[in-house]
Amino acid sequence: MARKKPQDRGAPAWLVTFADLMSLLVCFFVLIISFSIQDKEKLQVVAGSMREAFGVKDTSRKTGIIEVEGIPIRKYMKDISQVPQELDSDFSAERHDKQRNQGPEANTHEASEADIEKPRQFATAAASLRQAWQEMPEITELSTNIILEETEDGLNIMLVDQDGRSMFREGSKYPYETTRRLIAKMAPILSQMPNRIEITGHTTAGRQSINPGYTNWDLSSERANSARQVLTEYGVPGNQFFAVVGKADTEPLFPNDPYLASNRRIEILLKAEDPPIPPGHRP
């Protein structure tokens, strides 16, 4: 009887399948790593070559002598055309190099050097005033009495009464000594500004005066004029003042409570306006 030849036993079928799976996974992770480390310029060259192959070409840009979007193997530059710089707005009509936004919506047609300088001047004046007041040891107690506010009309400096801490004597046009020193500290800074100054006095509602002929209109206007006199004494020229106004209780700072002490205030406004044209000036 013939003997059977022993059969060669190879790897089990499941092991071959598992090995194939592991090989595919290794290839997959190698591809992931390869794609995660990219050369942006080379990818752009490849994309440009494919774009040319399919006949799609929008704009050609160059970096040195290599065409970033297009076939780089050339002895000459294929397209010599400057790519126009895109402005910030879809509605741009003309450039304005001093502003980032362009076009009519950025008001570039009406922008002038004065429009750019005014905010800088007001910011500088506000910083200088704060620095000057910080040099006064007693200013800490009056920090809540001073309000600096930049409005459409200009830089508004308000000296406001607080409960228990007034800037002027009760019913008097004369300020306290601390208030006087506070106003005097402003004078050197305001005198260096080209802007004209408007001073306005305000009172609270319902104030009773001993003299019936002396009303809130008189008190508010005289307090504003007292502030003007202090500024003039410490160096602000007289021709820099635009107006001295008393508005009594007609414009309270807190309309919901016209009797509040904070409605009593003096406003010193650096007006935001074009400087006056000197006499005899001809453009």
Protein backbone atom coordinates (compact mmCIF):
# COMPACT_ATOMS: atom_id res chain seq x y z
CA MET A 1 0.00 0.00 0.00
CA ALA A 2 1.42 3.40 -1.05
CA ARG A 3 2.29 5.82 1.70
CA LYS A 4 0.72 9.32 1.69
CA LYS A 5 3.10 12.20 1.34
CA PRO A 6 2.92 14.59 4.26
CA GLN A 7 1.25 17.90 3.29
CA ASP A 8 3.07 21.21 3.92
CA ARG A 9 1.24 23.19 6.55
CA GLY A 10 1.42 26.98 5.92
CA ALA A 11 0.18 29.94 8.00
CA PRO A 12 -3.48 29.81 8.98
CA ALA A 13 -5.88 31.72 6.77
CA TRP A 14 -6.85 34.14 9.55
CA LEU A 15 -3.21 35.09 10.11
CA VAL A 16 -2.76 36.01 6.43
CA THR A 17 -5.86 38.19 6.57
CA PHE A 18 -4.65 39.85 9.74
CA ALA A 19 -1.22 40.54 8.22
CA ASP A 20 -2.84 42.13 5.18
CA LEU A 21 -4.95 44.29 7.45
CA MET A 22 -1.91 45.45 9.42
CA SER A 23 -0.07 46.28 6.19
CA LEU A 24 -3.00 48.40 5.00
CA LEU A 25 -3.15 50.20 8.34
CA VAL A 26 0.58 50.97 8.23
CA CYS A 27 0.21 52.38 4.71
CA PHE A 28 -2.79 54.41 5.85
CA PHE A 29 -0.88 56.00 8.76
CA VAL A 30 2.14 56.69 6.53
CA LEU A 31 -0.14 58.54 4.11
CA ILE A 32 -1.70 60.53 6.96
CA ILE A 33 1.73 61.61 8.20
CA SER A 34 2.81 62.47 4.67
CA PHE A 35 -0.22 64.68 4.09
CA SER A 36 0.17 66.38 7.47
CA ILE A 37 3.65 67.65 6.57
CA GLN A 38 3.04 69.78 3.50
CA ASP A 39 5.10 72.18 1.49
CA LYS A 40 2.62 74.92 0.71
CA GLU A 41 4.53 76.28 -2.28
CA LYS A 42 4.92 72.83 -3.85
CA LEU A 43 1.22 72.14 -3.37
CA GLN A 44 0.41 75.42 -5.09
CA VAL A 45 2.66 74.49 -8.01
CA VAL A 46 0.95 71.10 -8.30
CA ALA A 47 -2.48 72.72 -8.10
CA GLY A 48 -1.47 75.24 -10.76
CA SER A 49 -0.22 72.48 -13.06
CA MET A 50 -3.52 70.59 -12.69
CA ARG A 51 -5.44 73.81 -13.27
CA GLU A 52 -3.59 74.35 -16.55
CA ALA A 53 -4.13 70.74 -17.56
CA PHE A 54 -7.88 71.17 -17.21
CA GLY A 55 -7.88 74.60 -18.88
CA VAL A 56 -8.80 76.61 -15.75
CA LYS A 57 -6.68 79.67 -15.00
CA ASP A 58 -7.76 82.77 -13.12
CA THR A 59 -4.68 84.79 -12.17
CA SER A 60 -0.96 84.19 -12.35
CA ARG A 61 1.19 85.20 -9.42
CA LYS A 62 4.95 85.07 -9.25
CA THR A 63 7.47 84.61 -6.49
CA GLY A 64 10.89 85.50 -7.79
CA ILE A 65 11.32 83.59 -11.04
CA ILE A 66 9.14 80.62 -10.07
CA GLU A 67 5.51 80.69 -11.06
CA VAL A 68 3.59 79.81 -7.93
CA GLU A 69 0.42 79.05 -9.85
CA GLY A 70 1.38 77.42 -13.13
CA ILE A 71 4.04 75.16 -14.61
CA PRO A 72 7.40 76.19 -13.13
CA ILE A 73 9.57 74.56 -15.82
CA ARG A 74 9.97 77.48 -18.23
CA LYS A 75 12.80 79.57 -19.57
CA TYR A 76 10.63 82.69 -19.56
CA MET A 77 7.81 84.19 -17.61
CA LYS A 78 4.54 83.12 -19.16
CA ASP A 79 2.36 86.01 -17.93
CA ILE A 80 3.76 89.41 -17.10
CA SER A 81 0.84 91.19 -15.48
CA GLN A 82 0.57 92.81 -12.08
CA VAL A 83 -2.17 91.48 -9.85
CA PRO A 84 -4.30 94.47 -8.73
CA GLN A 85 -4.40 95.01 -4.96
CA GLU A 86 -7.81 94.36 -3.51
CA LEU A 87 -9.22 97.13 -1.36
CA ASP A 88 -10.96 96.46 1.95
CA SER A 89 -14.47 97.10 0.68
CA ASP A 90 -16.61 95.81 -2.15
CA PHE A 91 -17.81 99.37 -2.71
CA SER A 92 -14.35 100.90 -3.08
CA ALA A 93 -14.08 103.63 -5.65
CA GLU A 94 -10.74 105.20 -4.79
CA ARG A 95 -7.81 104.67 -2.45
CA HIS A 96 -7.06 106.57 0.73
CA ASP A 97 -3.67 105.63 2.14
CA LYS A 98 -4.28 107.08 5.62
CA GLN A 99 -7.23 104.82 6.39
CA ARG A 100 -7.57 101.06 6.31
CA ASN A 101 -11.16 101.04 5.10
CA GLN A 102 -11.72 102.33 1.59
CA GLY A 103 -14.61 103.67 -0.41
CA PRO A 104 -17.60 105.92 0.24
CA GLU A 105 -18.78 103.97 3.31
CA ALA A 106 -15.50 104.88 5.03
CA ASN A 107 -16.05 108.55 4.19
CA THR A 108 -12.66 108.71 2.53
CA HIS A 109 -13.87 111.32 0.07
CA GLU A 110 -14.31 113.84 2.89
CA ALA A 111 -11.37 112.83 5.09
CA SER A 112 -8.86 115.56 5.74
CA GLU A 113 -5.73 115.99 7.85
CA ALA A 114 -7.72 117.89 10.49
CA ASP A 115 -10.17 115.00 10.86
CA ILE A 116 -7.28 112.69 11.69
CA GLU A 117 -5.50 115.07 14.07
CA LYS A 118 -8.50 116.10 16.23
CA PRO A 119 -8.93 112.76 18.06
CA ARG A 120 -5.19 112.67 18.73
CA GLN A 121 -5.21 116.20 20.14
CA PHE A 122 -8.14 115.43 22.46
CA ALA A 123 -6.53 112.19 23.65
CA THR A 124 -3.29 114.04 24.37
CA ALA A 125 -5.13 116.81 26.22
CA ALA A 126 -7.09 114.31 28.34
CA ALA A 127 -3.92 112.41 29.26
CA SER A 128 -2.12 115.66 30.14
CA LEU A 129 -4.99 116.81 32.35
CA ARG A 130 -5.07 113.51 34.24
CA GLN A 131 -1.31 113.69 34.74
CA ALA A 132 -1.53 117.25 36.04
CA TRP A 133 -4.31 116.37 38.48
CA GLN A 134 -2.42 113.33 39.77
CA GLU A 135 0.32 115.66 40.97
CA MET A 136 -2.17 117.18 43.43
CA PRO A 137 -2.30 115.13 46.68
CA GLU A 138 -5.85 116.25 47.46
CA ILE A 139 -7.22 115.19 44.06
CA THR A 140 -7.90 111.65 45.30
CA GLU A 141 -10.94 112.85 47.20
CA LEU A 142 -12.27 114.68 44.12
CA SER A 143 -11.75 111.90 41.58
CA THR A 144 -15.49 111.25 41.35
CA ASN A 145 -16.16 114.96 40.84
CA ILE A 146 -14.26 115.06 37.53
CA ILE A 147 -15.65 113.61 34.32
CA LEU A 148 -13.76 113.70 31.00
CA GLU A 149 -15.97 112.91 28.03
CA GLU A 150 -15.21 113.09 24.32
CA THR A 151 -18.36 114.00 22.37
CA GLU A 152 -19.22 115.16 18.87
CA ASP A 153 -18.86 118.73 20.09
CA GLY A 154 -15.36 118.17 21.46
CA LEU A 155 -13.63 117.25 24.71
CA ASN A 156 -15.98 118.04 27.61
CA ILE A 157 -14.51 118.47 31.11
CA MET A 158 -17.17 118.38 33.84
CA LEU A 159 -16.66 119.44 37.45
CA VAL A 160 -19.64 117.82 39.15
CA ASP A 161 -21.00 118.19 42.69
CA GLN A 162 -21.42 115.01 44.72
CA ASP A 163 -23.46 114.42 47.86
CA GLY A 164 -21.47 115.94 50.71
CA ARG A 165 -18.76 117.29 48.41
CA SER A 166 -19.51 120.48 46.47
CA MET A 167 -17.28 122.34 44.06
CA PHE A 168 -18.74 125.78 44.90
CA ARG A 169 -19.95 127.32 48.13
CA GLU A 170 -23.68 127.00 48.73
CA GLY A 171 -25.49 129.66 46.72
CA SER A 172 -22.22 131.41 45.87
CA LYS A 173 -20.42 132.00 42.60
CA TYR A 174 -17.00 131.58 44.25
CA PRO A 175 -15.42 128.11 44.14
CA TYR A 176 -13.74 126.37 47.02
CA GLU A 177 -9.93 126.65 47.11
CA THR A 178 -9.55 123.03 46.00
CA THR A 179 -11.83 123.66 43.03
CA ARG A 180 -9.89 126.78 42.17
CA ARG A 181 -6.60 124.87 42.16
CA LEU A 182 -8.21 122.15 40.06
CA ILE A 183 -9.25 124.68 37.41
CA ALA A 184 -5.88 126.43 37.59
CA LYS A 185 -4.11 123.14 36.77
CA MET A 186 -6.05 123.00 33.49
CA ALA A 187 -4.96 126.43 32.27
CA PRO A 188 -1.41 125.63 30.96
CA ILE A 189 -2.75 122.61 29.04
CA LEU A 190 -5.83 124.32 27.59
CA SER A 191 -3.79 127.34 26.53
CA GLN A 192 -1.62 125.11 24.32
CA MET A 193 -4.64 123.76 22.46
CA PRO A 194 -5.81 125.49 19.25
CA ASN A 195 -9.46 124.85 20.14
CA ARG A 196 -11.80 127.49 21.45
CA ILE A 197 -13.34 127.04 24.91
CA GLU A 198 -16.98 127.17 25.94
CA ILE A 199 -17.85 127.21 29.65
CA THR A 200 -21.37 126.33 30.83
CA GLY A 201 -22.84 126.44 34.33
CA HIS A 202 -25.71 124.24 35.56
CA THR A 203 -27.74 124.10 38.78
CA THR A 204 -30.24 121.72 40.34
CA ALA A 205 -33.99 122.26 40.25
CA GLY A 206 -35.98 123.63 43.13
CA ARG A 207 -33.28 125.82 44.66
CA GLN A 208 -34.69 128.56 46.89
CA SER A 209 -32.86 131.89 46.93
CA ILE A 210 -33.06 134.50 49.68
CA ASN A 211 -33.07 137.20 47.04
CA PRO A 212 -36.04 136.69 44.67
CA GLY A 213 -34.26 138.70 41.99
CA TYR A 214 -31.24 136.33 42.02
CA THR A 215 -32.21 133.17 40.16
CA ASN A 216 -30.53 129.98 39.03
CA TRP A 217 -29.80 131.69 35.72
CA ASP A 218 -27.67 134.26 37.51
CA LEU A 219 -25.93 131.68 39.69
CA SER A 220 -25.09 129.29 36.83
CA SER A 221 -23.75 132.04 34.56
CA GLU A 222 -21.67 133.63 37.34
CA ARG A 223 -20.12 130.29 38.29
CA ALA A 224 -19.19 129.70 34.66
CA ASN A 225 -17.67 133.17 34.51
CA SER A 226 -15.71 132.51 37.71
CA ALA A 227 -14.18 129.45 36.06
CA ARG A 228 -13.26 131.62 33.06
CA GLN A 229 -11.58 134.17 35.34
CA VAL A 230 -9.44 131.47 36.98
CA LEU A 231 -8.37 130.09 33.59
CA THR A 232 -7.52 133.59 32.37
CA GLU A 233 -5.53 134.30 35.53
CA TYR A 234 -3.39 131.22 34.92
CA GLY A 235 -2.60 131.75 31.27
CA VAL A 236 -5.54 131.02 28.94
CA PRO A 237 -5.78 133.96 26.47
CA GLY A 238 -9.05 135.84 26.34
CA ASN A 239 -9.54 135.33 22.60
CA GLN A 240 -9.59 131.55 23.12
CA PHE A 241 -12.95 131.68 24.90
CA PHE A 242 -15.94 131.11 22.65
CA ALA A 243 -18.79 131.55 25.13
CA VAL A 244 -19.65 131.67 28.84
CA VAL A 245 -23.18 130.39 29.37
CA GLY A 246 -25.51 129.78 32.30
CA LYS A 247 -28.28 127.23 31.75
CA ALA A 248 -29.73 127.04 35.26
CA ASP A 249 -31.60 123.71 35.65
CA THR A 250 -32.70 123.33 32.00
CA GLU A 251 -30.20 120.56 31.10
CA PRO A 252 -29.78 118.23 34.10
CA LEU A 253 -27.08 115.58 33.90
CA PHE A 254 -29.61 113.11 35.35
CA PRO A 255 -33.03 114.02 33.87
CA ASN A 256 -34.79 111.38 35.96
CA ASP A 257 -33.80 113.19 39.17
CA PRO A 258 -33.39 116.96 38.55
CA TYR A 259 -32.85 117.52 42.31
CA LEU A 260 -29.71 115.32 42.41
CA ALA A 261 -26.54 117.11 43.53
CA SER A 262 -24.64 115.85 40.47
CA ASN A 263 -26.76 118.11 38.27
CA ARG A 264 -24.83 121.06 39.75
CA ARG A 265 -21.78 121.27 37.53
CA ILE A 266 -19.42 123.37 35.42
CA GLU A 267 -18.63 122.15 31.89
CA ILE A 268 -15.47 123.30 30.12
CA LEU A 269 -15.73 122.27 26.47
CA LEU A 270 -12.81 122.20 24.03
CA LYS A 271 -14.75 122.67 20.83
CA ALA A 272 -14.18 120.32 17.89
CA GLU A 273 -14.13 122.78 15.03
CA ASP A 274 -11.82 123.94 12.29
CA PRO A 275 -9.46 126.70 13.46
CA PRO A 276 -10.51 130.20 12.37
CA ILE A 277 -8.88 131.57 9.24
CA PRO A 278 -6.41 134.35 10.08
CA PRO A 279 -7.31 137.83 8.81
CA GLY A 280 -5.95 138.48 5.33
CA HIS A 281 -5.31 134.80 4.61
CA ARG A 282 -5.87 133.86 1.00
CA PRO A 283 -5.89 130.17 0.07
